Amino acid sequence: MKIFLIRHGEGENTEEAWQTPQTALSEKGIKQAMSLAGLSRFKVMDELLSSDWTRAQQTAEIVGREINKPIKILKEIHEKEQSSKIYGLSRTDPLAEQYAKDLVKHASDYNYKWDPEEESWAELVNRVINFKIYLIENYLENNIAVFSHDMFIRTFITACALNDDFNTDQFKSMFRSLNISNAGISFLVYREGQKTWKLWYLNECTHLWTAKS
Protein backbone atom coordinates (compact mmCIF):
# COMPACT_ATOMS: atom_id res chain seq x y z
CA MET A 1 0.00 0.00 0.00
CA LYS A 2 1.32 3.40 -1.03
CA ILE A 3 0.03 6.42 0.88
CA PHE A 4 0.50 10.06 -0.02
CA LEU A 5 -0.26 12.32 2.94
CA ILE A 6 -1.11 15.84 1.76
CA ARG A 7 -1.65 18.81 4.01
CA HIS A 8 -4.35 21.21 2.79
CA GLY A 9 -3.44 24.51 1.16
CA GLU A 10 -3.14 27.70 3.17
CA GLY A 11 -6.33 28.77 4.97
CA GLU A 12 -7.81 32.26 5.11
CA ASN A 13 -6.45 34.66 7.73
CA THR A 14 -4.16 32.01 9.15
CA GLU A 15 -1.73 34.57 10.58
CA GLU A 16 -4.44 36.71 12.19
CA ALA A 17 -6.86 34.20 13.74
CA TRP A 18 -7.15 30.61 14.95
CA GLN A 19 -8.51 28.50 12.12
CA THR A 20 -11.84 26.72 12.46
CA PRO A 21 -13.23 23.53 10.88
CA GLN A 22 -14.99 25.81 8.37
CA THR A 23 -11.92 27.89 7.42
CA ALA A 24 -11.70 27.98 3.62
CA LEU A 25 -8.63 28.15 1.41
CA SER A 26 -7.07 31.54 0.84
CA GLU A 27 -6.23 32.66 -2.71
CA LYS A 28 -2.71 31.39 -2.11
CA GLY A 29 -4.12 28.12 -0.78
CA ILE A 30 -6.14 27.64 -3.95
CA LYS A 31 -2.98 28.15 -6.03
CA GLN A 32 -1.18 25.62 -3.85
CA ALA A 33 -3.96 23.07 -4.39
CA MET A 34 -3.83 23.69 -8.14
CA SER A 35 -0.09 23.01 -8.09
CA LEU A 36 -0.84 19.64 -6.46
CA ALA A 37 -3.44 18.86 -9.11
CA GLY A 38 -0.81 19.14 -11.84
CA LEU A 39 1.43 16.42 -10.39
CA SER A 40 1.56 13.23 -12.42
CA ARG A 41 1.91 11.02 -9.34
CA PHE A 42 -1.75 11.59 -8.46
CA LYS A 43 -2.98 10.21 -11.78
CA VAL A 44 -2.33 6.66 -10.53
CA MET A 45 -4.33 7.06 -7.32
CA ASP A 46 -6.97 4.44 -6.60
CA GLU A 47 -8.67 6.51 -3.91
CA LEU A 48 -8.71 10.09 -2.63
CA LEU A 49 -9.58 10.38 1.07
CA SER A 50 -10.23 13.73 2.70
CA SER A 51 -10.95 15.23 6.08
CA ASP A 52 -14.41 16.77 6.27
CA TRP A 53 -12.95 20.14 7.34
CA THR A 54 -13.40 22.73 4.60
CA ARG A 55 -9.81 23.56 3.64
CA ALA A 56 -8.79 19.90 3.30
CA GLN A 57 -11.93 19.04 1.35
CA GLN A 58 -11.41 21.99 -1.02
CA THR A 59 -7.82 20.90 -1.64
CA ALA A 60 -8.90 17.33 -2.37
CA GLU A 61 -11.70 18.47 -4.69
CA ILE A 62 -9.31 20.57 -6.78
CA VAL A 63 -7.03 17.56 -7.23
CA GLY A 64 -9.99 15.24 -7.82
CA ARG A 65 -11.40 17.39 -10.62
CA GLU A 66 -8.03 17.39 -12.40
CA ILE A 67 -7.65 13.59 -12.33
CA ASN A 68 -11.38 12.83 -12.59
CA LYS A 69 -11.54 10.97 -9.27
CA PRO A 70 -14.28 11.23 -6.64
CA ILE A 71 -13.45 12.22 -3.06
CA LYS A 72 -14.31 10.03 -0.09
CA ILE A 73 -14.87 12.11 3.05
CA LEU A 74 -13.73 10.67 6.38
CA LYS A 75 -14.69 12.54 9.55
CA GLU A 76 -11.98 10.71 11.52
CA ILE A 77 -8.96 12.37 9.83
CA HIS A 78 -9.53 16.01 10.70
CA GLU A 79 -7.15 18.19 12.73
CA LYS A 80 -6.74 17.92 16.51
CA GLU A 81 -9.91 19.39 17.97
CA GLN A 82 -9.79 22.62 19.97
CA SER A 83 -12.35 24.35 22.13
CA SER A 84 -15.13 26.25 20.37
CA LYS A 85 -14.10 29.22 22.53
CA ILE A 86 -10.81 29.38 20.59
CA TYR A 87 -11.93 28.80 17.01
CA GLY A 88 -11.92 32.06 15.05
CA LEU A 89 -10.38 34.15 17.82
CA SER A 90 -7.80 36.77 16.93
CA ARG A 91 -4.37 35.48 17.87
CA THR A 92 -3.86 38.66 19.90
CA ASP A 93 -7.07 38.18 21.88
CA PRO A 94 -6.22 37.77 25.61
CA LEU A 95 -8.05 34.44 25.78
CA ALA A 96 -6.18 33.13 22.71
CA GLU A 97 -2.85 34.24 24.18
CA GLN A 98 -3.67 32.53 27.49
CA TYR A 99 -4.70 29.41 25.59
CA ALA A 100 -1.34 29.28 23.80
CA LYS A 101 0.51 29.71 27.11
CA ASP A 102 -1.55 26.95 28.73
CA LEU A 103 -0.73 24.54 25.89
CA VAL A 104 2.98 25.16 26.36
CA LYS A 105 2.68 24.78 30.12
CA HIS A 106 0.98 21.37 29.80
CA ALA A 107 2.90 20.15 26.75
CA SER A 108 4.18 17.07 28.57
CA ASP A 109 0.70 15.97 29.72
CA TYR A 110 -0.53 13.40 27.21
CA ASN A 111 -4.11 13.62 28.51
CA TYR A 112 -4.35 17.40 28.96
CA LYS A 113 -7.46 19.22 27.75
CA TRP A 114 -7.82 22.98 27.97
CA ASP A 115 -11.55 22.44 28.45
CA PRO A 116 -13.90 19.42 28.03
CA GLU A 117 -14.45 20.19 24.32
CA GLU A 118 -10.77 19.92 23.52
CA GLU A 119 -9.17 16.73 22.21
CA SER A 120 -6.22 15.38 24.17
CA TRP A 121 -3.04 14.05 22.58
CA ALA A 122 -4.04 10.56 23.69
CA GLU A 123 -7.37 10.86 21.88
CA LEU A 124 -5.70 12.12 18.71
CA VAL A 125 -3.23 9.23 18.73
CA ASN A 126 -6.12 6.81 19.17
CA ARG A 127 -7.84 8.32 16.11
CA VAL A 128 -4.65 7.93 14.09
CA ILE A 129 -4.15 4.30 15.09
CA ASN A 130 -7.76 3.50 14.17
CA PHE A 131 -7.19 5.15 10.78
CA LYS A 132 -4.09 3.02 10.19
CA ILE A 133 -6.14 -0.10 10.90
CA TYR A 134 -8.85 1.14 8.54
CA LEU A 135 -6.33 1.63 5.73
CA ILE A 136 -4.79 -1.82 6.18
CA GLU A 137 -8.21 -3.48 6.26
CA ASN A 138 -9.55 -1.67 3.19
CA TYR A 139 -6.71 -0.52 0.92
CA LEU A 140 -3.89 -3.02 1.27
CA GLU A 141 -3.10 -3.20 -2.47
CA ASN A 142 -3.97 0.39 -3.38
CA ASN A 143 -2.41 3.80 -3.99
CA ILE A 144 -4.08 6.26 -1.64
CA ALA A 145 -3.98 10.06 -1.37
CA VAL A 146 -5.00 11.38 2.05
CA PHE A 147 -5.82 15.08 2.42
CA SER A 148 -5.57 16.10 6.04
CA HIS A 149 -3.95 18.54 8.46
CA ASP A 150 -0.62 19.37 10.08
CA MET A 151 -1.01 17.74 13.49
CA PHE A 152 -2.91 14.71 12.21
CA ILE A 153 -0.27 14.03 9.55
CA ARG A 154 2.64 14.44 11.97
CA THR A 155 0.92 12.13 14.44
CA PHE A 156 0.29 9.56 11.72
CA ILE A 157 3.92 9.56 10.58
CA THR A 158 5.14 9.33 14.18
CA ALA A 159 2.85 6.41 14.98
CA CYS A 160 3.96 4.62 11.79
CA ALA A 161 7.67 5.16 12.46
CA LEU A 162 7.40 4.01 16.08
CA ASN A 163 4.98 1.20 15.16
CA ASP A 164 2.55 2.24 17.92
CA ASP A 165 5.11 1.05 20.48
CA PHE A 166 6.25 4.23 22.22
CA ASN A 167 6.11 6.17 25.44
CA THR A 168 4.89 9.73 25.55
CA ASP A 169 8.39 11.26 25.61
CA GLN A 170 9.38 9.36 22.46
CA PHE A 171 6.19 10.39 20.73
CA LYS A 172 6.49 14.08 21.59
CA SER A 173 10.18 14.17 20.64
CA MET A 174 9.61 12.77 17.16
CA PHE A 175 6.36 14.67 16.58
CA ARG A 176 8.04 18.00 17.32
CA SER A 177 10.93 17.23 14.97
CA LEU A 178 8.59 16.98 11.96
CA ASN A 179 7.53 19.91 9.79
CA ILE A 180 4.61 19.77 7.36
CA SER A 181 4.00 22.77 5.09
CA ASN A 182 0.71 23.75 3.51
CA ALA A 183 0.29 21.50 0.45
CA GLY A 184 3.38 19.53 1.45
CA ILE A 185 3.43 15.84 0.47
CA SER A 186 4.76 12.93 2.52
CA PHE A 187 4.95 9.42 1.08
CA LEU A 188 4.79 6.14 2.99
CA VAL A 189 4.68 2.51 1.92
CA TYR A 190 3.16 -0.23 4.08
CA ARG A 191 4.61 -3.72 3.67
CA GLU A 192 2.14 -6.31 4.92
CA GLY A 193 4.70 -9.13 4.99
CA GLN A 194 6.93 -7.34 7.48
CA LYS A 195 4.09 -5.32 9.10
CA THR A 196 6.23 -2.22 8.63
CA TRP A 197 5.80 1.32 7.36
CA LYS A 198 8.54 2.93 5.29
CA LEU A 199 8.76 6.72 5.02
CA TRP A 200 10.12 7.42 1.53
CA TYR A 201 9.97 11.20 1.75
CA LEU A 202 8.70 13.92 4.06
CA ASN A 203 7.07 17.27 3.27
CA GLU A 204 8.05 17.44 -0.41
CA CYS A 205 7.29 20.99 -1.58
CA THR A 206 9.02 21.62 -4.90
CA HIS A 207 5.66 21.98 -6.68
CA LEU A 208 5.00 25.05 -4.52
CA TRP A 209 7.82 27.03 -6.09
CA THR A 210 5.40 28.03 -8.85
CA ALA A 211 2.41 28.54 -6.52
CA LYS A 212 3.57 31.60 -4.59
CA SER A 213 1.15 34.52 -4.37
C-alpha atoms as a PDB file:
ATOM      1  CA  MET A   1       0.000   0.000   0.000  1.00  0.00           C
ATOM      2  CA  LYS A   2       1.317   3.402  -1.029  1.00  0.00           C
ATOM      3  CA  ILE A   3       0.029   6.418   0.875  1.00  0.00           C
ATOM      4  CA  PHE A   4       0.500  10.064  -0.021  1.00  0.00           C
ATOM      5  CA  LEU A   5      -0.258  12.319   2.944  1.00  0.00           C
ATOM      6  CA  ILE A   6      -1.107  15.842   1.758  1.00  0.00           C
ATOM      7  CA  ARG A   7      -1.648  18.808   4.008  1.00  0.00           C
ATOM      8  CA  HIS A   8      -4.347  21.206   2.793  1.00  0.00           C
ATOM      9  CA  GLY A   9      -3.439  24.509   1.160  1.00  0.00           C
ATOM     10  CA  GLU A  10      -3.144  27.700   3.175  1.00  0.00           C
ATOM     11  CA  GLY A  11      -6.327  28.768   4.968  1.00  0.00           C
ATOM     12  CA  GLU A  12      -7.811  32.255   5.112  1.00  0.00           C
ATOM     13  CA  ASN A  13      -6.449  34.664   7.735  1.00  0.00           C
ATOM     14  CA  THR A  14      -4.159  32.006   9.154  1.00  0.00           C
ATOM     15  CA  GLU A  15      -1.731  34.574  10.584  1.00  0.00           C
ATOM     16  CA  GLU A  16      -4.444  36.711  12.192  1.00  0.00           C
ATOM     17  CA  ALA A  17      -6.857  34.195  13.736  1.00  0.00           C
ATOM     18  CA  TRP A  18      -7.146  30.611  14.953  1.00  0.00           C
ATOM     19  CA  GLN A  19      -8.507  28.501  12.124  1.00  0.00           C
ATOM     20  CA  THR A  20     -11.842  26.717  12.463  1.00  0.00           C
ATOM     21  CA  PRO A  21     -13.228  23.531  10.884  1.00  0.00           C
ATOM     22  CA  GLN A  22     -14.986  25.813   8.369  1.00  0.00           C
ATOM     23  CA  THR A  23     -11.925  27.893   7.419  1.00  0.00           C
ATOM     24  CA  ALA A  24     -11.701  27.980   3.621  1.00  0.00           C
ATOM     25  CA  LEU A  25      -8.632  28.149   1.410  1.00  0.00           C
ATOM     26  CA  SER A  26      -7.070  31.544   0.836  1.00  0.00           C
ATOM     27  CA  GLU A  27      -6.230  32.658  -2.706  1.00  0.00           C
ATOM     28  CA  LYS A  28      -2.710  31.391  -2.111  1.00  0.00           C
ATOM     29  CA  GLY A  29      -4.120  28.120  -0.776  1.00  0.00           C
ATOM     30  CA  ILE A  30      -6.144  27.640  -3.955  1.00  0.00           C
ATOM     31  CA  LYS A  31      -2.982  28.153  -6.030  1.00  0.00           C
ATOM     32  CA  GLN A  32      -1.178  25.621  -3.854  1.00  0.00           C
ATOM     33  CA  ALA A  33      -3.955  23.075  -4.385  1.00  0.00           C
ATOM     34  CA  MET A  34      -3.831  23.688  -8.143  1.00  0.00           C
ATOM     35  CA  SER A  35      -0.093  23.009  -8.091  1.00  0.00           C
ATOM     36  CA  LEU A  36      -0.841  19.643  -6.458  1.00  0.00           C
ATOM     37  CA  ALA A  37      -3.436  18.856  -9.111  1.00  0.00           C
ATOM     38  CA  GLY A  38      -0.814  19.138 -11.841  1.00  0.00           C
ATOM     39  CA  LEU A  39       1.430  16.424 -10.389  1.00  0.00           C
ATOM     40  CA  SER A  40       1.557  13.231 -12.421  1.00  0.00           C
ATOM     41  CA  ARG A  41       1.906  11.024  -9.338  1.00  0.00           C
ATOM     42  CA  PHE A  42      -1.752  11.595  -8.461  1.00  0.00           C
ATOM     43  CA  LYS A  43      -2.978  10.208 -11.780  1.00  0.00           C
ATOM     44  CA  VAL A  44      -2.327   6.662 -10.529  1.00  0.00           C
ATOM     45  CA  MET A  45      -4.327   7.061  -7.319  1.00  0.00           C
ATOM     46  CA  ASP A  46      -6.972   4.440  -6.601  1.00  0.00           C
ATOM     47  CA  GLU A  47      -8.672   6.513  -3.912  1.00  0.00           C
ATOM     48  CA  LEU A  48      -8.708  10.094  -2.634  1.00  0.00           C
ATOM     49  CA  LEU A  49      -9.578  10.375   1.065  1.00  0.00           C
ATOM     50  CA  SER A  50     -10.228  13.728   2.702  1.00  0.00           C
ATOM     51  CA  SER A  51     -10.946  15.227   6.080  1.00  0.00           C
ATOM     52  CA  ASP A  52     -14.411  16.773   6.273  1.00  0.00           C
ATOM     53  CA  TRP A  53     -12.951  20.141   7.338  1.00  0.00           C
ATOM     54  CA  THR A  54     -13.397  22.730   4.603  1.00  0.00           C
ATOM     55  CA  ARG A  55      -9.809  23.561   3.641  1.00  0.00           C
ATOM     56  CA  ALA A  56      -8.789  19.900   3.295  1.00  0.00           C
ATOM     57  CA  GLN A  57     -11.925  19.041   1.354  1.00  0.00           C
ATOM     58  CA  GLN A  58     -11.414  21.988  -1.016  1.00  0.00           C
ATOM     59  CA  THR A  59      -7.816  20.903  -1.642  1.00  0.00           C
ATOM     60  CA  ALA A  60      -8.900  17.329  -2.374  1.00  0.00           C
ATOM     61  CA  GLU A  61     -11.697  18.472  -4.687  1.00  0.00           C
ATOM     62  CA  ILE A  62      -9.314  20.572  -6.780  1.00  0.00           C
ATOM     63  CA  VAL A  63      -7.028  17.555  -7.234  1.00  0.00           C
ATOM     64  CA  GLY A  64      -9.986  15.236  -7.824  1.00  0.00           C
ATOM     65  CA  ARG A  65     -11.396  17.385 -10.620  1.00  0.00           C
ATOM     66  CA  GLU A  66      -8.035  17.390 -12.401  1.00  0.00           C
ATOM     67  CA  ILE A  67      -7.647  13.595 -12.333  1.00  0.00           C
ATOM     68  CA  ASN A  68     -11.377  12.826 -12.588  1.00  0.00           C
ATOM     69  CA  LYS A  69     -11.539  10.973  -9.274  1.00  0.00           C
ATOM     70  CA  PRO A  70     -14.282  11.235  -6.635  1.00  0.00           C
ATOM     71  CA  ILE A  71     -13.455  12.218  -3.059  1.00  0.00           C
ATOM     72  CA  LYS A  72     -14.313  10.027  -0.086  1.00  0.00           C
ATOM     73  CA  ILE A  73     -14.875  12.111   3.054  1.00  0.00           C
ATOM     74  CA  LEU A  74     -13.727  10.673   6.382  1.00  0.00           C
ATOM     75  CA  LYS A  75     -14.689  12.536   9.554  1.00  0.00           C
ATOM     76  CA  GLU A  76     -11.978  10.709  11.516  1.00  0.00           C
ATOM     77  CA  ILE A  77      -8.964  12.372   9.826  1.00  0.00           C
ATOM     78  CA  HIS A  78      -9.525  16.013  10.705  1.00  0.00           C
ATOM     79  CA  GLU A  79      -7.146  18.187  12.728  1.00  0.00           C
ATOM     80  CA  LYS A  80      -6.738  17.923  16.513  1.00  0.00           C
ATOM     81  CA  GLU A  81      -9.907  19.395  17.969  1.00  0.00           C
ATOM     82  CA  GLN A  82      -9.792  22.617  19.975  1.00  0.00           C
ATOM     83  CA  SER A  83     -12.353  24.354  22.132  1.00  0.00           C
ATOM     84  CA  SER A  84     -15.135  26.253  20.367  1.00  0.00           C
ATOM     85  CA  LYS A  85     -14.097  29.219  22.530  1.00  0.00           C
ATOM     86  CA  ILE A  86     -10.809  29.384  20.589  1.00  0.00           C
ATOM     87  CA  TYR A  87     -11.925  28.804  17.007  1.00  0.00           C
ATOM     88  CA  GLY A  88     -11.925  32.058  15.050  1.00  0.00           C
ATOM     89  CA  LEU A  89     -10.380  34.155  17.820  1.00  0.00           C
ATOM     90  CA  SER A  90      -7.804  36.771  16.928  1.00  0.00           C
ATOM     91  CA  ARG A  91      -4.367  35.478  17.871  1.00  0.00           C
ATOM     92  CA  THR A  92      -3.858  38.661  19.903  1.00  0.00           C
ATOM     93  CA  ASP A  93      -7.069  38.183  21.883  1.00  0.00           C
ATOM     94  CA  PRO A  94      -6.224  37.773  25.615  1.00  0.00           C
ATOM     95  CA  LEU A  95      -8.048  34.443  25.779  1.00  0.00           C
ATOM     96  CA  ALA A  96      -6.183  33.133  22.715  1.00  0.00           C
ATOM     97  CA  GLU A  97      -2.854  34.239  24.176  1.00  0.00           C
ATOM     98  CA  GLN A  98      -3.670  32.532  27.485  1.00  0.00           C
ATOM     99  CA  TYR A  99      -4.701  29.407  25.595  1.00  0.00           C
ATOM    100  CA  ALA A 100      -1.343  29.280  23.796  1.00  0.00           C
ATOM    101  CA  LYS A 101       0.509  29.705  27.109  1.00  0.00           C
ATOM    102  CA  ASP A 102      -1.547  26.945  28.727  1.00  0.00           C
ATOM    103  CA  LEU A 103      -0.728  24.538  25.894  1.00  0.00           C
ATOM    104  CA  VAL A 104       2.982  25.156  26.360  1.00  0.00           C
ATOM    105  CA  LYS A 105       2.680  24.775  30.124  1.00  0.00           C
ATOM    106  CA  HIS A 106       0.978  21.371  29.802  1.00  0.00           C
ATOM    107  CA  ALA A 107       2.898  20.151  26.751  1.00  0.00           C
ATOM    108  CA  SER A 108       4.175  17.069  28.572  1.00  0.00           C
ATOM    109  CA  ASP A 109       0.703  15.974  29.724  1.00  0.00           C
ATOM    110  CA  TYR A 110      -0.532  13.395  27.214  1.00  0.00           C
ATOM    111  CA  ASN A 111      -4.106  13.622  28.515  1.00  0.00           C
ATOM    112  CA  TYR A 112      -4.354  17.400  28.961  1.00  0.00           C
ATOM    113  CA  LYS A 113      -7.459  19.221  27.749  1.00  0.00           C
ATOM    114  CA  TRP A 114      -7.817  22.976  27.967  1.00  0.00           C
ATOM    115  CA  ASP A 115     -11.546  22.445  28.448  1.00  0.00           C
ATOM    116  CA  PRO A 116     -13.898  19.418  28.027  1.00  0.00           C
ATOM    117  CA  GLU A 117     -14.451  20.186  24.324  1.00  0.00           C
ATOM    118  CA  GLU A 118     -10.765  19.921  23.524  1.00  0.00           C
ATOM    119  CA  GLU A 119      -9.174  16.733  22.211  1.00  0.00           C
ATOM    120  CA  SER A 120      -6.219  15.375  24.167  1.00  0.00           C
ATOM    121  CA  TRP A 121      -3.040  14.053  22.576  1.00  0.00           C
ATOM    122  CA  ALA A 122      -4.043  10.557  23.693  1.00  0.00           C
ATOM    123  CA  GLU A 123      -7.369  10.862  21.878  1.00  0.00           C
ATOM    124  CA  LEU A 124      -5.696  12.123  18.708  1.00  0.00           C
ATOM    125  CA  VAL A 125      -3.229   9.230  18.731  1.00  0.00           C
ATOM    126  CA  ASN A 126      -6.116   6.809  19.167  1.00  0.00           C
ATOM    127  CA  ARG A 127      -7.843   8.322  16.105  1.00  0.00           C
ATOM    128  CA  VAL A 128      -4.645   7.930  14.087  1.00  0.00           C
ATOM    129  CA  ILE A 129      -4.154   4.301  15.092  1.00  0.00           C
ATOM    130  CA  ASN A 130      -7.757   3.504  14.168  1.00  0.00           C
ATOM    131  CA  PHE A 131      -7.191   5.145  10.782  1.00  0.00           C
ATOM    132  CA  LYS A 132      -4.087   3.018  10.190  1.00  0.00           C
ATOM    133  CA  ILE A 133      -6.142  -0.103  10.904  1.00  0.00           C
ATOM    134  CA  TYR A 134      -8.854   1.139   8.537  1.00  0.00           C
ATOM    135  CA  LEU A 135      -6.328   1.634   5.733  1.00  0.00           C
ATOM    136  CA  ILE A 136      -4.794  -1.815   6.177  1.00  0.00           C
ATOM    137  CA  GLU A 137      -8.206  -3.482   6.263  1.00  0.00           C
ATOM    138  CA  ASN A 138      -9.552  -1.672   3.191  1.00  0.00           C
ATOM    139  CA  TYR A 139      -6.708  -0.524   0.916  1.00  0.00           C
ATOM    140  CA  LEU A 140      -3.888  -3.017   1.267  1.00  0.00           C
ATOM    141  CA  GLU A 141      -3.100  -3.197  -2.465  1.00  0.00           C
ATOM    142  CA  ASN A 142      -3.968   0.387  -3.380  1.00  0.00           C
ATOM    143  CA  ASN A 143      -2.412   3.798  -3.987  1.00  0.00           C
ATOM    144  CA  ILE A 144      -4.083   6.263  -1.639  1.00  0.00           C
ATOM    145  CA  ALA A 145      -3.984  10.061  -1.371  1.00  0.00           C
ATOM    146  CA  VAL A 146      -4.999  11.376   2.054  1.00  0.00           C
ATOM    147  CA  PHE A 147      -5.819  15.078   2.417  1.00  0.00           C
ATOM    148  CA  SER A 148      -5.569  16.099   6.039  1.00  0.00           C
ATOM    149  CA  HIS A 149      -3.953  18.539   8.464  1.00  0.00           C
ATOM    150  CA  ASP A 150      -0.617  19.366  10.077  1.00  0.00           C
ATOM    151  CA  MET A 151      -1.007  17.736  13.486  1.00  0.00           C
ATOM    152  CA  PHE A 152      -2.910  14.707  12.206  1.00  0.00           C
ATOM    153  CA  ILE A 153      -0.267  14.026   9.551  1.00  0.00           C
ATOM    154  CA  ARG A 154       2.645  14.444  11.974  1.00  0.00           C
ATOM    155  CA  THR A 155       0.920  12.135  14.441  1.00  0.00           C
ATOM    156  CA  PHE A 156       0.289   9.557  11.716  1.00  0.00           C
ATOM    157  CA  ILE A 157       3.919   9.556  10.581  1.00  0.00           C
ATOM    158  CA  THR A 158       5.141   9.332  14.178  1.00  0.00           C
ATOM    159  CA  ALA A 159       2.854   6.407  14.979  1.00  0.00           C
ATOM    160  CA  CYS A 160       3.964   4.615  11.789  1.00  0.00           C
ATOM    161  CA  ALA A 161       7.667   5.156  12.459  1.00  0.00           C
ATOM    162  CA  LEU A 162       7.402   4.006  16.077  1.00  0.00           C
ATOM    163  CA  ASN A 163       4.984   1.202  15.164  1.00  0.00           C
ATOM    164  CA  ASP A 164       2.555   2.245  17.919  1.00  0.00           C
ATOM    165  CA  ASP A 165       5.113   1.052  20.478  1.00  0.00           C
ATOM    166  CA  PHE A 166       6.250   4.229  22.222  1.00  0.00           C
ATOM    167  CA  ASN A 167       6.107   6.171  25.439  1.00  0.00           C
ATOM    168  CA  THR A 168       4.888   9.734  25.546  1.00  0.00           C
ATOM    169  CA  ASP A 169       8.389  11.257  25.609  1.00  0.00           C
ATOM    170  CA  GLN A 170       9.380   9.359  22.460  1.00  0.00           C
ATOM    171  CA  PHE A 171       6.187  10.388  20.732  1.00  0.00           C
ATOM    172  CA  LYS A 172       6.488  14.080  21.589  1.00  0.00           C
ATOM    173  CA  SER A 173      10.178  14.175  20.642  1.00  0.00           C
ATOM    174  CA  MET A 174       9.612  12.766  17.163  1.00  0.00           C
ATOM    175  CA  PHE A 175       6.363  14.667  16.578  1.00  0.00           C
ATOM    176  CA  ARG A 176       8.042  18.002  17.322  1.00  0.00           C
ATOM    177  CA  SER A 177      10.927  17.226  14.972  1.00  0.00           C
ATOM    178  CA  LEU A 178       8.588  16.982  11.957  1.00  0.00           C
ATOM    179  CA  ASN A 179       7.530  19.910   9.791  1.00  0.00           C
ATOM    180  CA  ILE A 180       4.613  19.771   7.362  1.00  0.00           C
ATOM    181  CA  SER A 181       4.004  22.769   5.092  1.00  0.00           C
ATOM    182  CA  ASN A 182       0.711  23.754   3.514  1.00  0.00           C
ATOM    183  CA  ALA A 183       0.286  21.498   0.454  1.00  0.00           C
ATOM    184  CA  GLY A 184       3.381  19.528   1.453  1.00  0.00           C
ATOM    185  CA  ILE A 185       3.430  15.836   0.470  1.00  0.00           C
ATOM    186  CA  SER A 186       4.756  12.934   2.519  1.00  0.00           C
ATOM    187  CA  PHE A 187       4.949   9.419   1.076  1.00  0.00           C
ATOM    188  CA  LEU A 188       4.792   6.144   2.988  1.00  0.00           C
ATOM    189  CA  VAL A 189       4.684   2.511   1.923  1.00  0.00           C
ATOM    190  CA  TYR A 190       3.165  -0.226   4.077  1.00  0.00           C
ATOM    191  CA  ARG A 191       4.614  -3.724   3.670  1.00  0.00           C
ATOM    192  CA  GLU A 192       2.139  -6.310   4.921  1.00  0.00           C
ATOM    193  CA  GLY A 193       4.697  -9.133   4.986  1.00  0.00           C
ATOM    194  CA  GLN A 194       6.927  -7.335   7.485  1.00  0.00           C
ATOM    195  CA  LYS A 195       4.091  -5.322   9.100  1.00  0.00           C
ATOM    196  CA  THR A 196       6.227  -2.222   8.632  1.00  0.00           C
ATOM    197  CA  TRP A 197       5.798   1.324   7.357  1.00  0.00           C
ATOM    198  CA  LYS A 198       8.543   2.927   5.288  1.00  0.00           C
ATOM    199  CA  LEU A 199       8.760   6.720   5.023  1.00  0.00           C
ATOM    200  CA  TRP A 200      10.116   7.422   1.532  1.00  0.00           C
ATOM    201  CA  TYR A 201       9.969  11.196   1.748  1.00  0.00           C
ATOM    202  CA  LEU A 202       8.700  13.919   4.059  1.00  0.00           C
ATOM    203  CA  ASN A 203       7.072  17.270   3.265  1.00  0.00           C
ATOM    204  CA  GLU A 204       8.053  17.437  -0.409  1.00  0.00           C
ATOM    205  CA  CYS A 205       7.293  20.990  -1.576  1.00  0.00           C
ATOM    206  CA  THR A 206       9.022  21.622  -4.897  1.00  0.00           C
ATOM    207  CA  HIS A 207       5.665  21.977  -6.677  1.00  0.00           C
ATOM    208  CA  LEU A 208       4.997  25.047  -4.525  1.00  0.00           C
ATOM    209  CA  TRP A 209       7.819  27.031  -6.095  1.00  0.00           C
ATOM    210  CA  THR A 210       5.400  28.035  -8.848  1.00  0.00           C
ATOM    211  CA  ALA A 211       2.409  28.541  -6.520  1.00  0.00           C
ATOM    212  CA  LYS A 212       3.571  31.602  -4.589  1.00  0.00           C
ATOM    213  CA  SER A 213       1.153  34.520  -4.367  1.00  0.00           C
END
